Amino acid sequence: MSALLRSQKVRNALLQALFVGVLAYIVIGGWMNAQQTMQQQRIVSGFGFLWKSTGWDVNFSLLPASPGDPYWWFFVIGIINTLFLGIIGLMLATLVGGAVGIARTSSNEMLQLLGRSYVDFFRNIPLILQVFFWYAFVTHLPAPRGAHDFWGLKLTSRGIYAPLPNVEGWYLALAAALALVALILPLYIGATQRISRPREERRPARIAAFLVPAAASVAVFLAGRISGEPLLSMPQLQGLNLRGGMRISPEFSALTIAMALYGGAYIGEIVRGGFKAVGRGQVEAAQSLGLTPWQAFSRIRLPLALRAMLPILANQYIWLIKATTLGITIGFTDFFMIVAITINQSGQTMEAIGILMVGFLIINLSLAALFNRFNKAIALKGNQLRS
């Protein structure tokens, strides 16, 4: 026995087994204590409530919902709402942050000042205060009769109304997904190293990768068009409210604006750091080879900067996804708010919180795995920017 204990591997294995045993004891003990407490208070445990009717409705849903739907369906609605808000918020924050980061690295002193002022202002105001501010701003817009027209949009206190194609919902979603594929696939084919053919010879494949899904998107769009209706449903004033088009709720508008501006300040600093990580010698080498400023930026600075900023950008994206839970403060029915209402209505606290934790773990771990895979694909072997 003493001979086994002298082995470092055996001691490490015993310590790991002891750690796992203590952790299992704590978890199992806590669970049994919670079960005993719930039995004493006559609280029914289990997940059977998921198939019961909720009896309440939500004010925002991308999927059909009614008070007669079960709890599990409302959890799905909450997850979809959170993902939709997160994707839109991340896209807008990336656009804002990219513009701010480029301004921060510009040789123009005025742009540098504007970028630095933007970062200092929005980054140092708590996100929850920005959410409250924009919600108050949106809800204090004019009534529908005095709506502000802005590039086809109608800004009112009841929401933002926008033109909407008269296409069935699932057809419109599929057409949008195909259009996104048409934009991303050619970029992937041009950048991937999995294709042995030189990049300058991939142009026909990139053209085909764009035309095929784009044509499919147009075909699906036309197939789902509602017959007898104009191509676009325009919001029009009828009585005291606007009818037609698409209504973007004040809660969703406030959250997306706050996430875009607040997240854009952090992403702007990440973009600035990525560009600063690219050595001046590499840019000077590109210029000495006769590359134009745009070619040096798009082929040298931007790819190297992306490799440097991607790991930090992934952490920022995950943080912004978790920040969607602030929607509960202004009444947006995201995943967190659905869980909170479920706890109040059903009393299934442990189960609902467990579902919330698992849901966010799956979302954030999936996002992290996607970024890790992308980071590994674009990493340069032997380069100091490799993660």
Protein backbone atom coordinates (compact mmCIF):
# COMPACT_ATOMS: atom_id res chain seq x y z
CA MET A 1 0.00 0.00 0.00
CA SER A 2 2.81 2.39 0.89
CA ALA A 3 4.46 1.63 -2.43
CA LEU A 4 1.28 2.72 -4.26
CA LEU A 5 1.09 5.95 -2.28
CA ARG A 6 4.60 6.84 -3.34
CA SER A 7 3.41 7.02 -6.95
CA GLN A 8 2.51 10.52 -8.07
CA LYS A 9 -0.16 9.19 -10.45
CA VAL A 10 -1.86 7.21 -7.66
CA ARG A 11 -1.86 10.23 -5.31
CA ASN A 12 -3.29 12.45 -8.06
CA ALA A 13 -6.01 9.89 -8.79
CA LEU A 14 -6.92 9.63 -5.09
CA LEU A 15 -7.08 13.40 -4.72
CA GLN A 16 -9.31 13.69 -7.76
CA ALA A 17 -11.57 10.91 -6.47
CA LEU A 18 -11.76 12.64 -3.09
CA PHE A 19 -12.65 15.95 -4.74
CA VAL A 20 -15.37 14.35 -6.87
CA GLY A 21 -16.73 12.52 -3.82
CA VAL A 22 -16.95 15.70 -1.75
CA LEU A 23 -18.59 17.56 -4.62
CA ALA A 24 -21.12 14.74 -5.14
CA TYR A 25 -21.84 14.69 -1.39
CA ILE A 26 -22.54 18.44 -1.39
CA VAL A 27 -24.79 18.24 -4.45
CA ILE A 28 -26.71 15.17 -3.31
CA GLY A 29 -27.01 16.52 0.23
CA GLY A 30 -28.31 19.85 -1.03
CA TRP A 31 -30.81 18.12 -3.31
CA MET A 32 -32.10 15.86 -0.50
CA ASN A 33 -32.39 18.84 1.83
CA ALA A 34 -34.34 20.77 -0.80
CA GLN A 35 -36.63 17.78 -1.35
CA GLN A 36 -37.26 17.44 2.38
CA THR A 37 -38.00 21.17 2.72
CA MET A 38 -40.44 21.08 -0.20
CA GLN A 39 -42.21 18.05 1.27
CA GLN A 40 -42.58 19.82 4.61
CA GLN A 41 -44.08 22.83 2.85
CA ARG A 42 -46.22 20.56 0.66
CA ILE A 43 -44.64 21.79 -2.54
CA VAL A 44 -45.00 19.31 -5.38
CA SER A 45 -41.74 18.72 -7.28
CA GLY A 46 -41.14 17.32 -10.74
CA PHE A 47 -41.52 18.44 -14.33
CA GLY A 48 -45.12 17.38 -14.85
CA PHE A 49 -46.19 21.03 -14.81
CA LEU A 50 -44.57 21.52 -18.23
CA TRP A 51 -47.61 19.91 -19.89
CA LYS A 52 -50.17 21.97 -17.99
CA SER A 53 -51.93 24.98 -19.51
CA THR A 54 -50.43 28.31 -18.49
CA GLY A 55 -53.55 30.47 -18.55
CA TRP A 56 -51.57 33.62 -19.39
CA ASP A 57 -50.33 35.28 -22.54
CA VAL A 58 -47.17 37.09 -23.69
CA ASN A 59 -46.86 40.53 -25.28
CA PHE A 60 -44.12 39.55 -27.75
CA SER A 61 -43.68 36.25 -29.54
CA LEU A 62 -42.25 35.13 -32.87
CA LEU A 63 -44.29 31.93 -32.55
CA PRO A 64 -48.06 31.55 -32.16
CA ALA A 65 -49.08 31.68 -28.51
CA SER A 66 -52.35 31.51 -26.57
CA PRO A 67 -53.26 31.18 -22.87
CA GLY A 68 -54.16 27.54 -23.45
CA ASP A 69 -50.63 26.54 -24.47
CA PRO A 70 -48.53 24.45 -22.03
CA TYR A 71 -45.54 25.71 -20.09
CA TRP A 72 -43.00 23.91 -22.28
CA TRP A 73 -44.22 25.82 -25.33
CA PHE A 74 -43.80 29.11 -23.50
CA PHE A 75 -40.24 28.10 -22.60
CA VAL A 76 -39.60 27.56 -26.30
CA ILE A 77 -41.09 31.00 -27.05
CA GLY A 78 -38.84 32.56 -24.40
CA ILE A 79 -35.72 30.93 -25.83
CA ILE A 80 -36.61 32.03 -29.37
CA ASN A 81 -37.26 35.58 -28.17
CA THR A 82 -33.92 35.65 -26.33
CA LEU A 83 -32.04 34.32 -29.36
CA PHE A 84 -33.77 36.80 -31.68
CA LEU A 85 -33.00 39.74 -29.40
CA GLY A 86 -29.43 38.52 -28.91
CA ILE A 87 -28.73 38.06 -32.62
CA ILE A 88 -30.14 41.47 -33.58
CA GLY A 89 -28.34 43.13 -30.67
CA LEU A 90 -25.02 41.44 -31.52
CA MET A 91 -25.27 42.40 -35.17
CA LEU A 92 -25.99 46.05 -34.39
CA ALA A 93 -23.33 46.17 -31.65
CA THR A 94 -20.79 44.72 -34.10
CA LEU A 95 -21.61 47.35 -36.71
CA VAL A 96 -21.39 50.16 -34.15
CA GLY A 97 -18.23 48.73 -32.59
CA GLY A 98 -16.57 48.24 -35.96
CA ALA A 99 -17.22 51.86 -36.92
CA VAL A 100 -16.00 53.11 -33.53
CA GLY A 101 -12.89 50.93 -33.63
CA ILE A 102 -11.96 52.12 -37.12
CA ALA A 103 -12.50 55.71 -36.03
CA ARG A 104 -10.25 55.13 -33.01
CA THR A 105 -7.42 53.88 -35.25
CA SER A 106 -7.92 56.53 -37.93
CA SER A 107 -5.24 59.11 -38.69
CA ASN A 108 -7.93 61.80 -38.52
CA GLU A 109 -7.77 63.46 -35.10
CA MET A 110 -11.45 64.45 -35.18
CA LEU A 111 -12.52 60.85 -35.76
CA GLN A 112 -10.22 59.70 -32.97
CA LEU A 113 -11.79 62.23 -30.61
CA LEU A 114 -15.32 61.21 -31.54
CA GLY A 115 -14.52 57.52 -31.12
CA ARG A 116 -12.84 58.05 -27.75
CA SER A 117 -15.70 60.25 -26.53
CA TYR A 118 -18.25 57.64 -27.59
CA VAL A 119 -16.42 54.87 -25.72
CA ASP A 120 -15.94 56.96 -22.58
CA PHE A 121 -19.59 58.00 -22.52
CA PHE A 122 -21.48 54.78 -23.26
CA ARG A 123 -19.09 52.36 -21.56
CA ASN A 124 -19.26 54.16 -18.20
CA ILE A 125 -23.07 54.30 -17.93
CA PRO A 126 -24.58 51.03 -16.57
CA LEU A 127 -26.50 49.08 -19.17
CA ILE A 128 -29.66 48.94 -17.06
CA LEU A 129 -29.78 52.75 -16.93
CA GLN A 130 -29.42 52.91 -20.70
CA VAL A 131 -32.26 50.41 -21.07
CA PHE A 132 -34.50 52.57 -18.86
CA PHE A 133 -33.53 55.72 -20.75
CA TRP A 134 -34.28 54.33 -24.19
CA TYR A 135 -37.51 52.73 -22.99
CA ALA A 136 -38.64 56.10 -21.63
CA PHE A 137 -37.56 57.75 -24.88
CA VAL A 138 -39.45 55.28 -27.08
CA THR A 139 -42.62 55.33 -24.99
CA HIS A 140 -42.68 59.15 -25.05
CA LEU A 141 -42.78 59.35 -28.84
CA PRO A 142 -45.96 60.82 -30.38
CA ALA A 143 -49.22 58.91 -30.60
CA PRO A 144 -49.99 57.10 -33.89
CA ARG A 145 -51.82 60.14 -35.29
CA GLY A 146 -48.68 62.26 -34.94
CA ALA A 147 -46.21 59.51 -35.88
CA HIS A 148 -42.77 60.55 -37.14
CA ASP A 149 -41.93 59.23 -40.62
CA PHE A 150 -38.32 58.12 -40.94
CA TRP A 151 -37.23 56.30 -44.11
CA GLY A 152 -40.54 54.44 -44.39
CA LEU A 153 -40.72 53.79 -40.66
CA LYS A 154 -43.38 55.27 -38.41
CA LEU A 155 -42.13 56.08 -34.92
CA THR A 156 -44.85 56.08 -32.27
CA SER A 157 -45.19 55.54 -28.54
CA ARG A 158 -46.84 52.19 -29.27
CA GLY A 159 -43.86 50.92 -31.22
CA ILE A 160 -42.04 51.29 -34.49
CA TYR A 161 -44.07 50.34 -37.55
CA ALA A 162 -42.23 49.16 -40.66
CA PRO A 163 -43.30 47.84 -44.08
CA LEU A 164 -43.63 44.06 -44.18
CA PRO A 165 -43.74 41.76 -47.25
CA ASN A 166 -47.06 40.00 -47.69
CA VAL A 167 -45.45 36.57 -47.42
CA GLU A 168 -46.32 33.65 -45.16
CA GLY A 169 -44.19 33.66 -42.01
CA TRP A 170 -42.31 30.40 -42.52
CA TYR A 171 -41.64 31.20 -46.19
CA LEU A 172 -40.28 34.61 -45.21
CA ALA A 173 -38.01 33.09 -42.54
CA LEU A 174 -36.69 30.49 -45.00
CA ALA A 175 -36.09 33.14 -47.66
CA ALA A 176 -34.16 35.25 -45.15
CA ALA A 177 -32.07 32.23 -44.11
CA LEU A 178 -31.22 31.46 -47.75
CA ALA A 179 -30.28 35.09 -48.35
CA LEU A 180 -27.93 34.92 -45.35
CA VAL A 181 -26.37 31.76 -46.78
CA ALA A 182 -25.87 33.58 -50.10
CA LEU A 183 -23.85 36.23 -48.25
CA ILE A 184 -21.79 33.97 -45.99
CA LEU A 185 -21.02 30.98 -48.24
CA PRO A 186 -18.97 32.89 -50.87
CA LEU A 187 -16.91 34.46 -48.08
CA TYR A 188 -16.26 31.04 -46.58
CA ILE A 189 -15.23 29.54 -49.90
CA GLY A 190 -12.85 32.42 -50.51
CA ALA A 191 -11.23 32.20 -47.06
CA THR A 192 -11.20 28.50 -46.15
CA GLN A 193 -8.05 26.41 -46.39
CA ARG A 194 -9.98 23.18 -46.85
CA ILE A 195 -10.14 23.76 -50.60
CA SER A 196 -6.86 22.91 -52.29
CA ARG A 197 -7.54 25.14 -55.30
CA PRO A 198 -5.78 28.55 -55.16
CA ARG A 199 -8.01 31.40 -54.02
CA GLU A 200 -7.75 33.29 -57.31
CA GLU A 201 -9.25 30.24 -59.06
CA ARG A 202 -12.25 29.99 -56.73
CA ARG A 203 -14.16 32.86 -58.29
CA PRO A 204 -16.59 30.65 -60.31
CA ALA A 205 -17.35 28.61 -57.19
CA ARG A 206 -17.96 31.78 -55.16
CA ILE A 207 -20.28 33.17 -57.83
CA ALA A 208 -22.22 29.89 -57.89
CA ALA A 209 -22.34 29.83 -54.08
CA PHE A 210 -24.00 33.23 -54.21
CA LEU A 211 -26.36 32.73 -57.15
CA VAL A 212 -27.82 29.35 -56.12
CA PRO A 213 -29.05 30.27 -52.60
CA ALA A 214 -30.01 33.77 -53.79
CA ALA A 215 -32.20 32.29 -56.54
CA ALA A 216 -33.66 29.81 -54.04
CA SER A 217 -34.40 32.71 -51.67
CA VAL A 218 -36.26 34.60 -54.39
CA ALA A 219 -38.20 31.45 -55.37
CA VAL A 220 -39.24 30.76 -51.77
CA PHE A 221 -40.19 34.42 -51.31
CA LEU A 222 -42.45 34.36 -54.38
CA ALA A 223 -43.91 30.96 -53.48
CA GLY A 224 -44.99 32.21 -50.07
CA ARG A 225 -46.51 35.46 -51.31
CA ILE A 226 -50.13 35.96 -50.24
CA SER A 227 -52.30 36.10 -53.35
CA GLY A 228 -54.43 39.16 -53.95
CA GLU A 229 -52.29 41.36 -51.70
CA PRO A 230 -49.69 43.98 -52.67
CA LEU A 231 -46.04 43.05 -52.36
CA LEU A 232 -45.57 45.19 -49.25
CA SER A 233 -47.96 45.79 -46.39
CA MET A 234 -47.52 49.45 -45.46
CA PRO A 235 -48.53 50.76 -42.02
CA GLN A 236 -51.48 53.16 -42.38
CA LEU A 237 -53.47 55.15 -39.87
CA GLN A 238 -56.91 53.66 -39.24
CA GLY A 239 -58.85 55.26 -36.44
CA LEU A 240 -56.61 55.81 -33.45
CA ASN A 241 -53.98 53.25 -34.36
CA LEU A 242 -51.78 52.13 -37.25
CA ARG A 243 -52.70 49.02 -39.19
CA GLY A 244 -50.62 46.91 -41.52
CA GLY A 245 -46.89 46.40 -41.72
CA MET A 246 -44.81 45.09 -38.87
CA ARG A 247 -44.89 46.46 -35.34
CA ILE A 248 -41.66 46.48 -33.32
CA SER A 249 -42.60 46.76 -29.65
CA PRO A 250 -41.12 49.55 -27.47
CA GLU A 251 -39.54 46.94 -25.19
CA PHE A 252 -37.68 45.27 -28.06
CA SER A 253 -36.65 48.63 -29.55
CA ALA A 254 -35.25 49.91 -26.25
CA LEU A 255 -33.29 46.73 -25.58
CA THR A 256 -31.75 46.52 -29.05
CA ILE A 257 -30.73 50.21 -29.00
CA ALA A 258 -29.18 49.87 -25.53
CA MET A 259 -27.34 46.65 -26.43
CA ALA A 260 -26.07 48.13 -29.70
CA LEU A 261 -24.75 51.32 -28.13
CA TYR A 262 -23.37 49.80 -24.93
CA GLY A 263 -21.94 46.69 -26.58
CA GLY A 264 -20.61 48.78 -29.45
CA ALA A 265 -18.44 50.76 -27.00
CA TYR A 266 -16.73 47.60 -25.76
CA ILE A 267 -16.47 46.05 -29.21
CA GLY A 268 -14.98 49.29 -30.49
CA GLU A 269 -12.13 48.94 -27.99
CA ILE A 270 -11.67 45.29 -29.01
CA VAL A 271 -11.48 46.32 -32.67
CA ARG A 272 -9.00 49.06 -31.83
CA GLY A 273 -6.82 46.59 -29.93
CA GLY A 274 -6.96 44.13 -32.82
CA PHE A 275 -5.74 46.69 -35.32
CA LYS A 276 -3.04 47.90 -32.93
CA ALA A 277 -1.78 44.31 -32.66
CA VAL A 278 -0.89 44.29 -36.36
CA GLY A 279 2.74 45.31 -36.73
CA ARG A 280 3.53 48.41 -38.75
CA GLY A 281 6.19 46.47 -40.63
CA GLN A 282 3.57 44.20 -42.19
CA VAL A 283 1.61 47.19 -43.48
CA GLU A 284 4.78 48.82 -44.80
CA ALA A 285 5.72 45.57 -46.54
CA ALA A 286 2.31 45.54 -48.24
CA GLN A 287 2.78 49.12 -49.39
CA SER A 288 6.26 48.35 -50.69
CA LEU A 289 4.77 45.59 -52.84
CA GLY A 290 2.54 48.16 -54.53
CA LEU A 291 -0.74 47.35 -52.77
CA THR A 292 -3.25 50.17 -52.58
CA PRO A 293 -4.38 51.38 -49.13
CA TRP A 294 -7.64 49.43 -49.50
CA GLN A 295 -5.81 46.25 -50.54
CA ALA A 296 -3.40 46.60 -47.63
CA PHE A 297 -6.36 47.04 -45.26
CA SER A 298 -8.56 44.24 -46.61
CA ARG A 299 -5.81 41.67 -47.24
CA ILE A 300 -3.27 42.41 -44.50
CA ARG A 301 -4.55 44.51 -41.60
CA LEU A 302 -8.12 43.22 -41.35
CA PRO A 303 -7.37 39.44 -41.46
CA LEU A 304 -4.55 39.76 -38.92
CA ALA A 305 -6.65 42.02 -36.70
CA LEU A 306 -9.53 39.53 -36.78
CA ARG A 307 -7.24 36.78 -35.55
CA ALA A 308 -6.16 38.97 -32.65
CA MET A 309 -9.61 40.22 -31.61
CA LEU A 310 -11.68 37.05 -32.08
CA PRO A 311 -11.07 35.38 -28.65
CA ILE A 312 -11.94 38.59 -26.76
CA LEU A 313 -14.86 39.25 -29.10
CA ALA A 314 -16.31 35.83 -28.28
CA ASN A 315 -16.31 36.68 -24.56
CA GLN A 316 -18.04 39.99 -25.27
CA TYR A 317 -20.72 38.29 -27.38
CA ILE A 318 -21.43 35.77 -24.62
CA TRP A 319 -21.71 38.62 -22.11
CA LEU A 320 -24.19 40.47 -24.34
CA ILE A 321 -26.31 37.32 -24.71
CA LYS A 322 -26.54 37.11 -20.92
CA ALA A 323 -27.41 40.83 -20.82
CA THR A 324 -30.70 40.07 -22.61
CA THR A 325 -32.07 39.08 -19.19
CA LEU A 326 -32.41 42.81 -18.45
CA GLY A 327 -35.52 42.67 -20.61
CA ILE A 328 -37.48 41.69 -17.51
CA THR A 329 -36.98 45.22 -16.13
CA ILE A 330 -39.15 46.74 -18.89
CA GLY A 331 -41.50 43.82 -19.51
CA PHE A 332 -39.92 42.10 -22.53
CA THR A 333 -40.92 38.43 -22.57
CA ASP A 334 -37.55 36.79 -22.94
CA PHE A 335 -36.48 33.45 -21.49
CA PHE A 336 -35.77 34.93 -18.07
CA MET A 337 -39.17 36.61 -17.80
CA ILE A 338 -40.97 33.42 -18.86
CA VAL A 339 -39.18 31.56 -16.06
CA ALA A 340 -40.05 34.30 -13.54
CA ILE A 341 -43.73 34.18 -14.50
CA THR A 342 -43.66 30.38 -14.35
CA ILE A 343 -42.30 30.48 -10.79
CA ASN A 344 -45.05 32.90 -9.71
CA GLN A 345 -47.84 30.94 -11.38
CA SER A 346 -46.81 27.33 -10.77
CA GLY A 347 -44.54 27.49 -7.73
CA GLN A 348 -42.02 25.16 -9.41
CA THR A 349 -39.01 27.25 -8.41
CA MET A 350 -36.23 24.66 -8.50
CA GLU A 351 -37.35 23.14 -11.77
CA ALA A 352 -37.87 26.48 -13.53
CA ILE A 353 -34.48 27.84 -12.40
CA GLY A 354 -32.86 24.59 -13.48
CA ILE A 355 -34.39 24.94 -16.95
CA LEU A 356 -33.17 28.55 -17.09
CA MET A 357 -29.63 27.56 -16.17
CA VAL A 358 -29.51 24.69 -18.64
CA GLY A 359 -30.96 26.87 -21.40
CA PHE A 360 -28.35 29.61 -20.99
CA LEU A 361 -25.57 27.04 -20.64
CA ILE A 362 -26.55 25.48 -23.97
CA ILE A 363 -26.81 28.87 -25.70
CA ASN A 364 -23.51 30.24 -24.40
CA LEU A 365 -21.54 27.01 -24.75
CA SER A 366 -22.78 26.65 -28.32
CA LEU A 367 -21.72 30.22 -29.09
CA ALA A 368 -18.31 29.62 -27.49
CA ALA A 369 -17.83 26.37 -29.43
CA LEU A 370 -18.71 28.14 -32.67
CA PHE A 371 -16.16 30.89 -32.03
CA ASN A 372 -13.51 28.40 -30.94
CA ARG A 373 -14.04 26.44 -34.13
CA PHE A 374 -13.80 29.58 -36.24
CA ASN A 375 -10.76 30.79 -34.32
CA LYS A 376 -9.02 27.45 -34.86
CA ALA A 377 -9.84 27.53 -38.57
CA ILE A 378 -8.27 30.94 -39.19
CA ALA A 379 -5.29 30.58 -36.82
CA LEU A 380 -1.84 30.80 -38.40
CA LYS A 381 0.64 28.19 -37.23
CA GLY A 382 3.78 29.70 -35.78
CA ASN A 383 2.23 33.18 -35.56
CA GLN A 384 2.22 35.13 -32.33
CA LEU A 385 -1.47 35.95 -32.84
CA ARG A 386 -2.47 32.32 -32.63
CA SER A 387 -4.84 31.55 -29.79
